[in-house]
Amino acid sequence: MKTDIENRLSDIEIKIINEYGSVIGVDEVGRGSLFGPVISCCVIANEKFNNLNLSKIKDSKKLSEKIRNKFVREFIDEGCDFGLGYSNNKYIDEFNISEATLFSMQDSINNLNIKPKAILIDGIHKIPNIDCYQLAIPKGDSKCKTIGAASILAKFVRDFIIRKYHNAVPYYDLIKNVGYGTSIHIKNINTYGKSFGHRKSFKIKSIDR
């Protein structure tokens, strides 16, 4: 007989819990941004997580900011367990975005302070230097509740961080674009150049010849 949490998780999450005893979902946000860090988050499916309304969890990019913020408040109020990790723009420029993304995911797992038994990862790559079962799932944030929740938290944190930069570099419209390459953002990079927070290794066709 399935428990309540099993009825609300995906089939793969249920399978992993039955096989390994627990499951952690991991996702990142900011991989394609021109500015700032890539942020990763991991979330474990336990009883506190079960108390949340999981019905609307999916890829954070498909949710309104209002719904994301509401979920984050409920998540924090419930005292759910999570870990955060990041790689800043300088790390991204030195090692490349793929390596930086995997490092931020590894960092999030290490900051969870719970030894992982099994991890589900959004994407196609496994996380290096993490000794447990891992399964990479393309579009996992739309398929697994733990990955979807991690996606929502990572976006909430990253958006908050990027908007804090606005006062220091007000020319780039970071309040609205949170670092992504909108037409206004690219136009102002062309006018003012790249700031200390921009990823110098990310080439912009209309600017970097």
N, C-alpha and C. Protein backbone atom coordinates (compact mmCIF):
# COMPACT_ATOMS: atom_id res chain seq x y z
N MET A 1 0.85 -1.20 0.00
CA MET A 1 0.00 0.00 0.00
C MET A 1 0.88 1.25 0.00
N LYS A 2 0.59 2.20 -0.90
CA LYS A 2 1.40 3.40 -1.01
C LYS A 2 1.11 4.37 0.13
N THR A 3 2.18 5.05 0.58
CA THR A 3 2.01 6.11 1.56
C THR A 3 1.53 7.36 0.84
N ASP A 4 1.16 8.39 1.62
CA ASP A 4 0.68 9.64 1.04
C ASP A 4 1.74 10.27 0.15
N ILE A 5 3.00 10.27 0.63
CA ILE A 5 4.06 10.91 -0.15
C ILE A 5 4.30 10.15 -1.44
N GLU A 6 4.15 8.83 -1.42
CA GLU A 6 4.35 8.05 -2.63
C GLU A 6 3.27 8.37 -3.67
N ASN A 7 2.06 8.65 -3.21
CA ASN A 7 0.98 8.99 -4.12
C ASN A 7 1.21 10.32 -4.83
N ARG A 8 2.08 11.16 -4.28
CA ARG A 8 2.27 12.50 -4.84
C ARG A 8 3.61 12.67 -5.54
N LEU A 9 4.51 11.71 -5.40
CA LEU A 9 5.79 11.77 -6.09
C LEU A 9 5.71 11.06 -7.43
N SER A 10 6.73 11.24 -8.26
CA SER A 10 6.78 10.55 -9.54
C SER A 10 7.12 9.08 -9.34
N ASP A 11 6.87 8.29 -10.35
CA ASP A 11 7.18 6.86 -10.27
C ASP A 11 8.66 6.61 -10.03
N ILE A 12 9.52 7.40 -10.67
CA ILE A 12 10.96 7.20 -10.48
C ILE A 12 11.38 7.55 -9.06
N GLU A 13 10.79 8.59 -8.48
CA GLU A 13 11.10 8.94 -7.09
C GLU A 13 10.66 7.84 -6.13
N ILE A 14 9.48 7.28 -6.38
CA ILE A 14 8.98 6.18 -5.55
C ILE A 14 9.92 4.98 -5.65
N LYS A 15 10.33 4.66 -6.87
CA LYS A 15 11.23 3.53 -7.10
C LYS A 15 12.55 3.72 -6.35
N ILE A 16 13.10 4.94 -6.41
CA ILE A 16 14.37 5.22 -5.74
C ILE A 16 14.21 5.13 -4.23
N ILE A 17 13.13 5.67 -3.68
CA ILE A 17 12.89 5.60 -2.24
C ILE A 17 12.78 4.15 -1.79
N ASN A 18 12.05 3.35 -2.53
CA ASN A 18 11.89 1.93 -2.17
C ASN A 18 13.21 1.18 -2.23
N GLU A 19 14.08 1.60 -3.15
CA GLU A 19 15.34 0.89 -3.35
C GLU A 19 16.46 1.38 -2.44
N TYR A 20 16.50 2.71 -2.20
CA TYR A 20 17.62 3.30 -1.47
C TYR A 20 17.22 3.93 -0.13
N GLY A 21 15.95 4.08 0.13
CA GLY A 21 15.50 4.63 1.40
C GLY A 21 15.20 6.11 1.38
N SER A 22 15.79 6.85 0.47
CA SER A 22 15.52 8.29 0.35
C SER A 22 15.94 8.76 -1.03
N VAL A 23 15.50 9.97 -1.39
CA VAL A 23 15.90 10.53 -2.68
C VAL A 23 16.07 12.04 -2.54
N ILE A 24 17.08 12.56 -3.24
CA ILE A 24 17.38 13.99 -3.28
C ILE A 24 17.29 14.45 -4.73
N GLY A 25 16.62 15.57 -4.96
CA GLY A 25 16.55 16.16 -6.29
C GLY A 25 17.45 17.38 -6.38
N VAL A 26 18.14 17.54 -7.51
CA VAL A 26 19.09 18.64 -7.69
C VAL A 26 18.82 19.36 -9.01
N ASP A 27 18.89 20.69 -8.98
CA ASP A 27 18.76 21.47 -10.21
C ASP A 27 19.55 22.76 -10.08
N GLU A 28 19.81 23.38 -11.23
CA GLU A 28 20.53 24.66 -11.26
C GLU A 28 19.70 25.71 -11.98
N VAL A 29 20.07 26.96 -11.75
CA VAL A 29 19.45 28.10 -12.44
C VAL A 29 20.55 29.09 -12.79
N GLY A 30 20.46 29.67 -13.98
CA GLY A 30 21.41 30.71 -14.37
C GLY A 30 22.46 30.27 -15.36
N ARG A 31 22.33 29.06 -15.86
CA ARG A 31 23.34 28.54 -16.80
C ARG A 31 23.47 29.44 -18.04
N GLY A 32 22.37 29.92 -18.57
CA GLY A 32 22.41 30.71 -19.80
C GLY A 32 22.47 32.21 -19.61
N SER A 33 22.62 32.66 -18.37
CA SER A 33 22.65 34.09 -18.08
C SER A 33 23.97 34.72 -18.51
N LEU A 34 23.94 36.01 -18.79
CA LEU A 34 25.15 36.76 -19.13
C LEU A 34 25.83 37.33 -17.90
N PHE A 35 25.13 37.35 -16.79
CA PHE A 35 25.59 38.07 -15.59
C PHE A 35 25.42 37.19 -14.35
N GLY A 36 26.42 37.25 -13.46
CA GLY A 36 26.27 36.64 -12.14
C GLY A 36 26.53 35.15 -12.09
N PRO A 37 26.21 34.56 -10.93
CA PRO A 37 26.54 33.16 -10.68
C PRO A 37 25.51 32.19 -11.26
N VAL A 38 25.90 30.93 -11.31
CA VAL A 38 24.95 29.85 -11.47
C VAL A 38 24.67 29.32 -10.06
N ILE A 39 23.41 29.14 -9.74
CA ILE A 39 22.99 28.70 -8.41
C ILE A 39 22.36 27.31 -8.52
N SER A 40 22.76 26.41 -7.62
CA SER A 40 22.15 25.08 -7.57
C SER A 40 21.49 24.86 -6.22
N CYS A 41 20.48 24.02 -6.22
CA CYS A 41 19.78 23.67 -4.99
C CYS A 41 19.48 22.18 -5.00
N CYS A 42 19.50 21.57 -3.83
CA CYS A 42 19.06 20.18 -3.70
C CYS A 42 18.01 20.10 -2.59
N VAL A 43 17.06 19.20 -2.80
CA VAL A 43 15.92 19.04 -1.88
C VAL A 43 15.72 17.55 -1.63
N ILE A 44 15.52 17.18 -0.36
CA ILE A 44 15.28 15.78 -0.02
C ILE A 44 13.79 15.55 0.23
N ALA A 45 13.29 14.44 -0.28
CA ALA A 45 11.88 14.07 -0.06
C ALA A 45 11.75 13.36 1.28
N ASN A 46 11.27 14.10 2.28
CA ASN A 46 11.03 13.50 3.60
C ASN A 46 9.66 13.96 4.09
N GLU A 47 9.36 13.71 5.35
CA GLU A 47 8.02 14.02 5.85
C GLU A 47 7.70 15.52 5.82
N LYS A 48 8.70 16.35 6.07
CA LYS A 48 8.46 17.80 5.99
C LYS A 48 8.13 18.22 4.55
N PHE A 49 8.84 17.64 3.61
CA PHE A 49 8.55 17.90 2.20
C PHE A 49 7.15 17.42 1.84
N ASN A 50 6.75 16.30 2.43
CA ASN A 50 5.43 15.72 2.18
C ASN A 50 4.29 16.63 2.63
N ASN A 51 4.56 17.50 3.62
CA ASN A 51 3.52 18.39 4.13
C ASN A 51 3.19 19.55 3.17
N LEU A 52 4.02 19.73 2.16
CA LEU A 52 3.81 20.82 1.21
C LEU A 52 2.76 20.46 0.17
N ASN A 53 2.24 21.49 -0.48
CA ASN A 53 1.37 21.28 -1.64
C ASN A 53 2.27 21.06 -2.85
N LEU A 54 2.42 19.81 -3.24
CA LEU A 54 3.34 19.45 -4.32
C LEU A 54 2.68 19.48 -5.70
N SER A 55 1.40 19.74 -5.74
CA SER A 55 0.65 19.56 -6.99
C SER A 55 1.10 20.49 -8.11
N LYS A 56 1.58 21.69 -7.76
CA LYS A 56 1.94 22.66 -8.80
C LYS A 56 3.44 22.74 -9.05
N ILE A 57 4.20 21.85 -8.43
CA ILE A 57 5.64 21.89 -8.62
C ILE A 57 6.00 21.42 -10.02
N LYS A 58 6.79 22.26 -10.72
CA LYS A 58 7.33 21.91 -12.03
C LYS A 58 8.50 22.85 -12.31
N ASP A 59 9.01 22.81 -13.51
CA ASP A 59 10.10 23.68 -13.92
C ASP A 59 9.80 25.12 -13.50
N SER A 60 10.75 25.73 -12.76
CA SER A 60 10.52 27.07 -12.21
C SER A 60 10.24 28.10 -13.30
N LYS A 61 10.79 27.91 -14.49
CA LYS A 61 10.60 28.88 -15.58
C LYS A 61 9.16 28.88 -16.08
N LYS A 62 8.41 27.84 -15.78
CA LYS A 62 7.02 27.74 -16.24
C LYS A 62 6.03 28.25 -15.19
N LEU A 63 6.54 28.72 -14.05
CA LEU A 63 5.68 29.23 -12.98
C LEU A 63 5.81 30.74 -12.89
N SER A 64 4.75 31.40 -12.49
CA SER A 64 4.83 32.85 -12.26
C SER A 64 5.66 33.11 -11.01
N GLU A 65 6.19 34.33 -10.93
CA GLU A 65 6.99 34.69 -9.76
C GLU A 65 6.14 34.62 -8.49
N LYS A 66 4.88 34.98 -8.58
CA LYS A 66 3.98 34.92 -7.43
C LYS A 66 3.85 33.49 -6.90
N ILE A 67 3.68 32.53 -7.79
CA ILE A 67 3.54 31.13 -7.37
C ILE A 67 4.86 30.61 -6.80
N ARG A 68 5.98 30.98 -7.44
CA ARG A 68 7.29 30.56 -6.91
C ARG A 68 7.51 31.10 -5.51
N ASN A 69 7.22 32.37 -5.30
CA ASN A 69 7.43 32.97 -3.99
C ASN A 69 6.55 32.33 -2.92
N LYS A 70 5.32 32.01 -3.28
CA LYS A 70 4.40 31.36 -2.35
C LYS A 70 4.94 29.98 -1.95
N PHE A 71 5.44 29.23 -2.92
CA PHE A 71 5.99 27.91 -2.61
C PHE A 71 7.21 28.03 -1.70
N VAL A 72 8.08 28.99 -1.98
CA VAL A 72 9.29 29.15 -1.16
C VAL A 72 8.92 29.50 0.28
N ARG A 73 7.93 30.37 0.47
CA ARG A 73 7.49 30.71 1.84
C ARG A 73 6.99 29.46 2.56
N GLU A 74 6.19 28.65 1.88
CA GLU A 74 5.67 27.43 2.49
C GLU A 74 6.81 26.46 2.80
N PHE A 75 7.76 26.36 1.89
CA PHE A 75 8.91 25.46 2.06
C PHE A 75 9.72 25.85 3.29
N ILE A 76 10.00 27.14 3.43
CA ILE A 76 10.79 27.62 4.57
C ILE A 76 9.99 27.50 5.87
N ASP A 77 8.72 27.87 5.83
CA ASP A 77 7.88 27.78 7.03
C ASP A 77 7.77 26.35 7.54
N GLU A 78 7.78 25.40 6.63
CA GLU A 78 7.68 23.98 7.00
C GLU A 78 9.01 23.44 7.52
N GLY A 79 10.09 24.21 7.34
CA GLY A 79 11.40 23.77 7.81
C GLY A 79 11.99 22.65 6.97
N CYS A 80 11.68 22.64 5.68
CA CYS A 80 12.17 21.58 4.80
C CYS A 80 13.70 21.65 4.65
N ASP A 81 14.29 20.51 4.39
CA ASP A 81 15.75 20.41 4.27
C ASP A 81 16.19 20.68 2.83
N PHE A 82 17.21 21.52 2.67
CA PHE A 82 17.74 21.82 1.35
C PHE A 82 19.19 22.26 1.47
N GLY A 83 19.89 22.24 0.36
CA GLY A 83 21.25 22.73 0.30
C GLY A 83 21.42 23.64 -0.90
N LEU A 84 22.24 24.68 -0.75
CA LEU A 84 22.51 25.62 -1.84
C LEU A 84 23.98 25.60 -2.22
N GLY A 85 24.26 25.78 -3.49
CA GLY A 85 25.63 25.88 -3.96
C GLY A 85 25.70 26.89 -5.10
N TYR A 86 26.88 27.41 -5.37
CA TYR A 86 26.99 28.39 -6.45
C TYR A 86 28.40 28.38 -7.05
N SER A 87 28.49 28.89 -8.26
CA SER A 87 29.76 29.22 -8.90
C SER A 87 29.62 30.63 -9.44
N ASN A 88 30.53 31.52 -9.05
CA ASN A 88 30.40 32.91 -9.49
C ASN A 88 30.91 33.09 -10.92
N ASN A 89 30.75 34.30 -11.44
CA ASN A 89 31.09 34.55 -12.84
C ASN A 89 32.57 34.35 -13.12
N LYS A 90 33.43 34.61 -12.15
CA LYS A 90 34.87 34.41 -12.36
C LYS A 90 35.20 32.93 -12.47
N TYR A 91 34.55 32.12 -11.65
CA TYR A 91 34.75 30.67 -11.72
C TYR A 91 34.25 30.15 -13.07
N ILE A 92 33.11 30.65 -13.50
CA ILE A 92 32.55 30.26 -14.80
C ILE A 92 33.53 30.60 -15.93
N ASP A 93 34.10 31.81 -15.88
CA ASP A 93 35.04 32.23 -16.92
C ASP A 93 36.32 31.39 -16.91
N GLU A 94 36.75 30.97 -15.74
CA GLU A 94 38.00 30.20 -15.64
C GLU A 94 37.82 28.75 -16.07
N PHE A 95 36.69 28.13 -15.68
CA PHE A 95 36.55 26.69 -15.87
C PHE A 95 35.51 26.28 -16.92
N ASN A 96 34.68 27.17 -17.38
CA ASN A 96 33.57 26.99 -18.32
C ASN A 96 32.28 26.68 -17.58
N ILE A 97 31.16 26.94 -18.24
CA ILE A 97 29.86 26.88 -17.57
C ILE A 97 29.48 25.46 -17.18
N SER A 98 29.87 24.47 -17.97
CA SER A 98 29.52 23.08 -17.63
C SER A 98 30.19 22.65 -16.34
N GLU A 99 31.50 22.90 -16.23
CA GLU A 99 32.23 22.55 -15.01
C GLU A 99 31.70 23.34 -13.82
N ALA A 100 31.41 24.62 -14.03
CA ALA A 100 30.92 25.46 -12.95
C ALA A 100 29.55 25.00 -12.46
N THR A 101 28.71 24.56 -13.38
CA THR A 101 27.39 24.06 -13.01
C THR A 101 27.49 22.81 -12.15
N LEU A 102 28.33 21.86 -12.56
CA LEU A 102 28.50 20.63 -11.79
C LEU A 102 29.11 20.91 -10.42
N PHE A 103 30.06 21.87 -10.37
CA PHE A 103 30.63 22.23 -9.07
C PHE A 103 29.57 22.82 -8.15
N SER A 104 28.70 23.67 -8.68
CA SER A 104 27.66 24.27 -7.83
C SER A 104 26.69 23.21 -7.33
N MET A 105 26.40 22.20 -8.16
CA MET A 105 25.55 21.10 -7.72
C MET A 105 26.22 20.29 -6.61
N GLN A 106 27.49 20.01 -6.80
CA GLN A 106 28.26 19.30 -5.77
C GLN A 106 28.25 20.10 -4.46
N ASP A 107 28.44 21.40 -4.58
CA ASP A 107 28.43 22.30 -3.42
C ASP A 107 27.09 22.24 -2.69
N SER A 108 26.00 22.19 -3.44
CA SER A 108 24.67 22.15 -2.81
C SER A 108 24.48 20.85 -2.02
N ILE A 109 24.94 19.73 -2.58
CA ILE A 109 24.84 18.44 -1.88
C ILE A 109 25.65 18.47 -0.60
N ASN A 110 26.87 19.01 -0.68
CA ASN A 110 27.73 19.08 0.52
C ASN A 110 27.13 19.98 1.58
N ASN A 111 26.39 21.01 1.18
CA ASN A 111 25.79 21.93 2.13
C ASN A 111 24.45 21.45 2.70
N LEU A 112 23.95 20.34 2.20
CA LEU A 112 22.71 19.77 2.74
C LEU A 112 22.93 19.16 4.11
N ASN A 113 24.16 18.71 4.38
CA ASN A 113 24.52 18.09 5.67
C ASN A 113 23.72 16.82 5.95
N ILE A 114 23.27 16.17 4.89
CA ILE A 114 22.65 14.85 5.00
C ILE A 114 23.35 13.96 3.99
N LYS A 115 23.91 12.86 4.44
CA LYS A 115 24.64 11.98 3.51
C LYS A 115 23.67 11.42 2.48
N PRO A 116 23.91 11.69 1.20
CA PRO A 116 22.96 11.24 0.18
C PRO A 116 23.04 9.74 -0.09
N LYS A 117 21.89 9.15 -0.30
CA LYS A 117 21.82 7.74 -0.70
C LYS A 117 21.53 7.61 -2.19
N ALA A 118 20.73 8.53 -2.70
CA ALA A 118 20.39 8.53 -4.13
C ALA A 118 20.03 9.94 -4.56
N ILE A 119 20.51 10.33 -5.75
CA ILE A 119 20.30 11.69 -6.25
C ILE A 119 19.71 11.64 -7.65
N LEU A 120 18.71 12.47 -7.88
CA LEU A 120 18.14 12.69 -9.20
C LEU A 120 18.56 14.08 -9.67
N ILE A 121 19.12 14.16 -10.86
CA ILE A 121 19.70 15.41 -11.36
C ILE A 121 19.00 15.84 -12.63
N ASP A 122 18.66 17.12 -12.70
CA ASP A 122 18.09 17.65 -13.94
C ASP A 122 19.19 17.76 -14.99
N GLY A 123 19.01 17.15 -16.14
CA GLY A 123 20.01 17.25 -17.19
C GLY A 123 20.53 15.90 -17.64
N ILE A 124 21.76 15.90 -18.15
CA ILE A 124 22.34 14.68 -18.70
C ILE A 124 23.65 14.27 -18.01
N HIS A 125 24.12 15.07 -17.07
CA HIS A 125 25.40 14.79 -16.44
C HIS A 125 25.25 14.43 -14.96
N LYS A 126 26.07 13.48 -14.51
CA LYS A 126 26.14 13.15 -13.10
C LYS A 126 27.11 14.10 -12.40
N ILE A 127 27.00 14.18 -11.07
CA ILE A 127 27.80 15.12 -10.29
C ILE A 127 29.08 14.43 -9.83
N PRO A 128 30.25 14.99 -10.12
CA PRO A 128 31.50 14.35 -9.70
C PRO A 128 31.72 14.43 -8.19
N ASN A 129 32.49 13.48 -7.68
CA ASN A 129 32.92 13.46 -6.28
C ASN A 129 31.78 13.33 -5.28
N ILE A 130 30.67 12.76 -5.69
CA ILE A 130 29.56 12.46 -4.80
C ILE A 130 29.34 10.95 -4.85
N ASP A 131 29.57 10.29 -3.72
CA ASP A 131 29.58 8.82 -3.68
C ASP A 131 28.21 8.27 -3.30
N CYS A 132 27.34 8.17 -4.29
CA CYS A 132 26.03 7.53 -4.10
C CYS A 132 25.42 7.27 -5.47
N TYR A 133 24.29 6.61 -5.48
CA TYR A 133 23.60 6.36 -6.75
C TYR A 133 23.13 7.70 -7.33
N GLN A 134 23.34 7.89 -8.64
CA GLN A 134 22.91 9.10 -9.31
C GLN A 134 22.20 8.76 -10.62
N LEU A 135 21.16 9.51 -10.91
CA LEU A 135 20.45 9.35 -12.18
C LEU A 135 20.18 10.73 -12.75
N ALA A 136 20.72 11.00 -13.94
CA ALA A 136 20.47 12.27 -14.63
C ALA A 136 19.23 12.12 -15.50
N ILE A 137 18.32 13.08 -15.39
CA ILE A 137 17.04 13.01 -16.09
C ILE A 137 16.82 14.29 -16.91
N PRO A 138 16.89 14.21 -18.24
CA PRO A 138 16.57 15.40 -19.05
C PRO A 138 15.16 15.91 -18.74
N LYS A 139 15.04 17.22 -18.58
CA LYS A 139 13.77 17.85 -18.20
C LYS A 139 13.22 17.28 -16.89
N GLY A 140 14.14 16.93 -16.01
CA GLY A 140 13.75 16.33 -14.73
C GLY A 140 12.93 17.25 -13.85
N ASP A 141 13.08 18.58 -14.04
CA ASP A 141 12.32 19.53 -13.22
C ASP A 141 10.83 19.50 -13.54
N SER A 142 10.47 18.94 -14.69
CA SER A 142 9.06 18.78 -15.04
C SER A 142 8.54 17.37 -14.74
N LYS A 143 9.45 16.47 -14.36
CA LYS A 143 9.08 15.07 -14.16
C LYS A 143 9.13 14.63 -12.71
N CYS A 144 9.97 15.27 -11.90
CA CYS A 144 10.18 14.84 -10.51
C CYS A 144 9.94 16.01 -9.56
N LYS A 145 9.19 15.77 -8.49
CA LYS A 145 8.83 16.83 -7.55
C LYS A 145 10.05 17.39 -6.82
N THR A 146 11.00 16.52 -6.47
CA THR A 146 12.18 17.00 -5.74
C THR A 146 13.03 17.91 -6.63
N ILE A 147 13.19 17.53 -7.89
CA ILE A 147 13.97 18.36 -8.81
C ILE A 147 13.23 19.67 -9.09
N GLY A 148 11.91 19.58 -9.29
CA GLY A 148 11.11 20.79 -9.52
C GLY A 148 11.20 21.76 -8.36
N ALA A 149 11.13 21.24 -7.13
CA ALA A 149 11.24 22.09 -5.94
C ALA A 149 12.62 22.73 -5.87
N ALA A 150 13.66 21.96 -6.19
CA ALA A 150 15.02 22.50 -6.19
C ALA A 150 15.15 23.61 -7.22
N SER A 151 14.52 23.44 -8.37
CA SER A 151 14.53 24.47 -9.41
C SER A 151 13.88 25.76 -8.92
N ILE A 152 12.76 25.65 -8.23
CA ILE A 152 12.05 26.83 -7.73
C ILE A 152 12.90 27.57 -6.70
N LEU A 153 13.48 26.84 -5.76
CA LEU A 153 14.31 27.48 -4.74
C LEU A 153 15.54 28.14 -5.35
N ALA A 154 16.19 27.45 -6.28
CA ALA A 154 17.39 28.00 -6.91
C ALA A 154 17.07 29.29 -7.65
N LYS A 155 15.95 29.33 -8.35
CA LYS A 155 15.57 30.54 -9.08
C LYS A 155 15.23 31.67 -8.12
N PHE A 156 14.52 31.37 -7.04
CA PHE A 156 14.18 32.39 -6.05
C PHE A 156 15.46 33.03 -5.50
N VAL A 157 16.42 32.19 -5.12
CA VAL A 157 17.67 32.69 -4.53
C VAL A 157 18.46 33.49 -5.55
N ARG A 158 18.58 32.96 -6.76
CA ARG A 158 19.38 33.65 -7.77
C ARG A 158 18.75 34.99 -8.17
N ASP A 159 17.45 35.02 -8.37
CA ASP A 159 16.79 36.29 -8.71
C ASP A 159 17.02 37.33 -7.63
N PHE A 160 16.94 36.91 -6.37
CA PHE A 160 17.16 37.83 -5.25
C PHE A 160 18.58 38.39 -5.29
N ILE A 161 19.57 37.52 -5.53
CA ILE A 161 20.97 37.94 -5.57
C ILE A 161 21.21 38.92 -6.72
N ILE A 162 20.74 38.57 -7.91
CA ILE A 162 21.00 39.41 -9.09
C ILE A 162 20.37 40.78 -8.93
N ARG A 163 19.17 40.84 -8.39
CA ARG A 163 18.50 42.14 -8.22
C ARG A 163 19.22 43.01 -7.19
N LYS A 164 19.95 42.41 -6.27
CA LYS A 164 20.74 43.18 -5.31
C LYS A 164 21.90 43.91 -6.00
N TYR A 165 22.33 43.40 -7.15
CA TYR A 165 23.40 44.05 -7.90
C TYR A 165 22.93 45.32 -8.60
N HIS A 166 21.63 45.52 -8.72
CA HIS A 166 21.10 46.61 -9.53
C HIS A 166 21.64 47.97 -9.09
N ASN A 167 21.72 48.23 -7.80
CA ASN A 167 22.19 49.53 -7.33
C ASN A 167 23.64 49.78 -7.72
N ALA A 168 24.44 48.72 -7.79
CA ALA A 168 25.85 48.87 -8.15
C ALA A 168 26.03 49.06 -9.65
N VAL A 169 25.19 48.38 -10.44
CA VAL A 169 25.29 48.49 -11.90
C VAL A 169 23.88 48.70 -12.48
N PRO A 170 23.33 49.90 -12.34
CA PRO A 170 21.93 50.14 -12.70
C PRO A 170 21.65 50.18 -14.21
N TYR A 171 22.70 50.18 -15.03
CA TYR A 171 22.51 50.38 -16.47
C TYR A 171 21.92 49.16 -17.18
N TYR A 172 21.97 48.00 -16.54
CA TYR A 172 21.71 46.75 -17.28
C TYR A 172 20.31 46.17 -17.08
N ASP A 173 19.44 46.88 -16.37
CA ASP A 173 18.04 46.45 -16.22
C ASP A 173 17.93 45.10 -15.51
N LEU A 174 18.81 44.87 -14.52
CA LEU A 174 18.85 43.57 -13.85
C LEU A 174 17.59 43.27 -13.05
N ILE A 175 16.89 44.31 -12.63
CA ILE A 175 15.63 44.09 -11.90
C ILE A 175 14.67 43.25 -12.74
N LYS A 176 14.65 43.53 -14.03
CA LYS A 176 13.71 42.83 -14.91
C LYS A 176 14.29 41.57 -15.55
N ASN A 177 15.55 41.65 -16.02
CA ASN A 177 16.08 40.52 -16.79
C ASN A 177 16.88 39.51 -15.96
N VAL A 178 17.14 39.83 -14.69
CA VAL A 178 17.94 39.00 -13.77
C VAL A 178 19.16 38.38 -14.45
N GLY A 179 19.79 39.16 -15.32
CA GLY A 179 21.06 38.74 -15.91
C GLY A 179 20.98 38.12 -17.28
N TYR A 180 19.79 37.84 -17.76
CA TYR A 180 19.66 37.18 -19.06
C TYR A 180 19.74 38.20 -20.21
N GLY A 181 19.99 37.69 -21.41
CA GLY A 181 20.33 38.54 -22.55
C GLY A 181 19.16 39.15 -23.28
N THR A 182 18.41 39.99 -22.63
CA THR A 182 17.33 40.71 -23.30
C THR A 182 17.92 41.77 -24.23
N SER A 183 17.10 42.32 -25.10
CA SER A 183 17.59 43.33 -26.04
C SER A 183 18.12 44.57 -25.32
N ILE A 184 17.43 44.98 -24.24
CA ILE A 184 17.89 46.15 -23.47
C ILE A 184 19.22 45.85 -22.80
N HIS A 185 19.34 44.67 -22.23
CA HIS A 185 20.58 44.28 -21.56
C HIS A 185 21.74 44.30 -22.54
N ILE A 186 21.57 43.69 -23.69
CA ILE A 186 22.64 43.63 -24.69
C ILE A 186 22.96 45.02 -25.24
N LYS A 187 21.94 45.83 -25.45
CA LYS A 187 22.16 47.20 -25.93
C LYS A 187 23.01 47.98 -24.93
N ASN A 188 22.75 47.81 -23.64
CA ASN A 188 23.49 48.57 -22.63
C ASN A 188 24.88 47.99 -22.38
N ILE A 189 25.07 46.71 -22.62
CA ILE A 189 26.43 46.16 -22.61
C ILE A 189 27.23 46.80 -23.74
N ASN A 190 26.60 46.97 -24.89
CA ASN A 190 27.26 47.61 -26.03
C ASN A 190 27.62 49.05 -25.72
N THR A 191 26.78 49.72 -24.92
CA THR A 191 27.01 51.13 -24.56
C THR A 191 28.04 51.28 -23.44
N TYR A 192 27.88 50.50 -22.38
CA TYR A 192 28.69 50.68 -21.17
C TYR A 192 29.79 49.63 -20.98
N GLY A 193 29.77 48.60 -21.81
CA GLY A 193 30.73 47.51 -21.63
C GLY A 193 30.25 46.52 -20.59
N LYS A 194 31.02 45.47 -20.40
CA LYS A 194 30.68 44.45 -19.41
C LYS A 194 31.17 44.88 -18.04
N SER A 195 30.34 44.67 -17.03
CA SER A 195 30.68 45.06 -15.66
C SER A 195 31.44 43.94 -14.96
N PHE A 196 31.78 44.19 -13.69
CA PHE A 196 32.49 43.20 -12.88
C PHE A 196 31.70 41.90 -12.72
N GLY A 197 30.38 41.97 -12.88
CA GLY A 197 29.55 40.79 -12.67
C GLY A 197 29.26 40.00 -13.93
N HIS A 198 29.64 40.53 -15.08
CA HIS A 198 29.35 39.84 -16.34
C HIS A 198 30.34 38.69 -16.58
N ARG A 199 29.85 37.71 -17.31
CA ARG A 199 30.68 36.56 -17.69
C ARG A 199 31.45 36.93 -18.96
N LYS A 200 32.72 37.18 -18.81
CA LYS A 200 33.53 37.62 -19.94
C LYS A 200 33.67 36.53 -21.00
N SER A 201 33.55 35.29 -20.59
CA SER A 201 33.70 34.17 -21.53
C SER A 201 32.46 33.95 -22.38
N PHE A 202 31.35 34.58 -22.02
CA PHE A 202 30.11 34.44 -22.79
C PHE A 202 30.12 35.49 -23.91
N LYS A 203 30.24 35.02 -25.13
CA LYS A 203 30.34 35.92 -26.28
C LYS A 203 28.96 36.32 -26.79
N ILE A 204 28.82 37.60 -27.11
CA ILE A 204 27.57 38.14 -27.66
C ILE A 204 27.83 38.51 -29.11
N LYS A 205 27.11 37.90 -30.03
CA LYS A 205 27.39 38.04 -31.47
C LYS A 205 27.45 39.49 -31.93
N SER A 206 26.53 40.30 -31.42
CA SER A 206 26.46 41.69 -31.90
C SER A 206 27.53 42.58 -31.29
N ILE A 207 28.27 42.05 -30.29
CA ILE A 207 29.26 42.86 -29.58
C ILE A 207 30.66 42.27 -29.71
N ASP A 208 30.80 40.98 -29.42
CA ASP A 208 32.12 40.33 -29.41
C ASP A 208 32.44 39.79 -30.79
N ARG A 209 33.27 40.51 -31.50
CA ARG A 209 33.63 40.11 -32.87
C ARG A 209 34.86 39.20 -32.84
